[in-house]
Amino acid sequence: MVVEGAGGITCPFNMKEEVLLLPDIIKALGLNIVIVADGGLGTINSVLLTVEYAKQQGINIKGLILNNFEEDNFMHLDNKKQIERLTGINVIATVKKGDKDLNISTNDLLKIWEEE
C-alpha cells in the first residue's frame, strides 16, 4: 500500500474533536515510510529531525528521496552524502526539478516492499 503524507511527519489531521498525527495513521495501518525531502539548504536538519522523530515513534524507514536535486550543485551532493552518513539510511533516488519519472534501481524498489 502506498499512502502519501503531506506537511511533514508531525502534520495533524483534525477529525472533529480528535486530532491525529501522521504517525498515528502510519502505525494504525502498519506502514513503513520513505522520506521525501528537498535537496537544498536546510535539508540535513529537516531530514535528521524527521528520522529521529520517526524512530522515536517506532516507524520503520525504508529510504530517502531528495527532491529538486541538482546533480551539479556541490551543496546538494554534500547534503546527500551527509544525510546518508548521519542517518545510516540510503538515499534511494534523487529527483531533478521538473522530472515526471522517478529513477530508482530495481533493487532499491524491491527493498521498499520487503517485509521486516
Protein backbone atom coordinates (compact mmCIF):
# COMPACT_ATOMS: atom_id res chain seq x y z
CA MET A 1 0.00 0.00 0.00
CA VAL A 2 1.26 3.48 -0.81
CA VAL A 3 -0.07 6.43 1.16
CA GLU A 4 1.18 9.96 0.66
CA GLY A 5 1.60 12.08 3.75
CA ALA A 6 1.50 15.84 3.48
CA GLY A 7 3.09 18.59 5.50
CA GLY A 8 5.70 16.50 7.30
CA ILE A 9 5.64 13.76 9.89
CA THR A 10 4.12 15.88 12.66
CA CYS A 11 1.29 17.16 10.47
CA PRO A 12 -2.03 16.97 12.34
CA PHE A 13 -5.23 15.62 10.86
CA ASN A 14 -8.19 17.23 12.59
CA MET A 15 -11.02 14.75 12.93
CA LYS A 16 -13.68 16.88 14.67
CA GLU A 17 -12.67 16.78 18.36
CA GLU A 18 -9.87 14.25 17.93
CA VAL A 19 -6.53 15.27 16.43
CA LEU A 20 -4.47 12.57 14.77
CA LEU A 21 -0.85 12.99 13.75
CA LEU A 22 0.58 11.28 10.70
CA PRO A 23 2.44 8.70 12.87
CA ASP A 24 -0.91 7.62 14.34
CA ILE A 25 -2.11 6.75 10.86
CA ILE A 26 1.19 5.13 9.82
CA LYS A 27 1.17 2.90 12.90
CA ALA A 28 -2.55 2.08 12.66
CA LEU A 29 -2.05 0.88 9.08
CA GLY A 30 1.26 -0.86 9.87
CA LEU A 31 3.13 1.09 7.20
CA ASN A 32 6.82 1.63 6.53
CA ILE A 33 7.88 5.02 5.22
CA VAL A 34 10.09 6.61 2.59
CA ILE A 35 11.01 10.17 3.50
CA VAL A 36 10.98 12.73 0.67
CA ALA A 37 12.87 15.96 1.31
CA ASP A 38 14.16 18.90 -0.69
CA GLY A 39 17.78 18.58 -1.83
CA GLY A 40 18.77 22.13 -0.89
CA LEU A 41 19.57 24.33 2.08
CA GLY A 42 18.16 23.16 5.41
CA THR A 43 17.53 19.59 4.32
CA ILE A 44 20.11 17.99 6.62
CA ASN A 45 18.38 19.47 9.66
CA SER A 46 14.91 18.62 8.36
CA VAL A 47 15.79 15.02 7.48
CA LEU A 48 17.65 14.36 10.74
CA LEU A 49 14.72 15.65 12.80
CA THR A 50 12.22 13.63 10.76
CA VAL A 51 14.30 10.45 11.01
CA GLU A 52 14.77 10.79 14.76
CA TYR A 53 11.07 11.51 15.35
CA ALA A 54 10.06 8.53 13.20
CA LYS A 55 12.44 6.26 15.11
CA GLN A 56 11.07 7.50 18.45
CA GLN A 57 7.59 6.62 17.19
CA GLY A 58 8.73 3.11 16.21
CA ILE A 59 8.27 3.77 12.50
CA ASN A 60 10.46 1.84 10.05
CA ILE A 61 12.18 3.98 7.41
CA LYS A 62 12.86 2.22 4.10
CA GLY A 63 14.78 5.00 2.38
CA LEU A 64 15.11 8.65 1.49
CA ILE A 65 14.36 10.55 -1.72
CA LEU A 66 15.78 14.01 -2.39
CA ASN A 67 13.55 16.28 -4.47
CA ASN A 68 14.57 19.32 -6.58
CA PHE A 69 18.04 17.76 -6.67
CA GLU A 70 20.71 19.36 -8.85
CA GLU A 71 23.44 16.85 -9.75
CA ASP A 72 25.94 19.63 -10.48
CA ASN A 73 25.30 21.51 -7.21
CA PHE A 74 28.00 20.85 -4.59
CA MET A 75 25.64 21.61 -1.69
CA HIS A 76 23.05 19.11 -2.96
CA LEU A 77 25.71 16.42 -3.44
CA ASP A 78 27.16 17.11 0.01
CA ASN A 79 23.68 17.10 1.58
CA LYS A 80 23.06 13.64 0.12
CA LYS A 81 26.40 12.35 1.41
CA GLN A 82 25.97 13.86 4.89
CA ILE A 83 22.37 12.66 5.25
CA GLU A 84 23.38 9.08 4.43
CA ARG A 85 26.36 9.28 6.78
CA LEU A 86 24.45 10.84 9.68
CA THR A 87 21.29 8.71 9.44
CA GLY A 88 22.65 5.42 8.12
CA ILE A 89 19.73 5.41 5.65
CA ASN A 90 20.27 5.28 1.89
CA VAL A 91 19.10 7.99 -0.46
CA ILE A 92 17.39 5.63 -2.88
CA ALA A 93 16.59 8.26 -5.51
CA THR A 94 17.06 11.88 -6.43
CA VAL A 95 14.54 13.85 -8.46
CA LYS A 96 15.50 16.82 -10.59
CA LYS A 97 13.19 19.81 -10.78
CA GLY A 98 10.60 19.17 -13.47
CA ASP A 99 11.16 15.39 -13.59
CA LYS A 100 7.99 13.42 -14.15
CA ASP A 101 9.54 9.98 -13.57
CA LEU A 102 11.27 8.55 -10.53
CA ASN A 103 14.53 6.87 -11.47
CA ILE A 104 15.12 4.22 -8.83
CA SER A 105 17.02 0.97 -9.11
CA THR A 106 15.02 -2.24 -9.17
CA ASN A 107 16.96 -3.44 -6.12
CA ASP A 108 16.09 -0.33 -4.09
CA LEU A 109 12.47 -0.51 -5.19
CA LEU A 110 12.22 -4.14 -4.09
CA LYS A 111 13.75 -3.30 -0.69
CA ILE A 112 10.90 -0.86 -0.03
CA TRP A 113 8.38 -3.71 -0.31
CA GLU A 114 10.36 -6.35 1.63
CA GLU A 115 8.81 -7.49 4.88
CA GLU A 116 10.86 -6.88 8.01
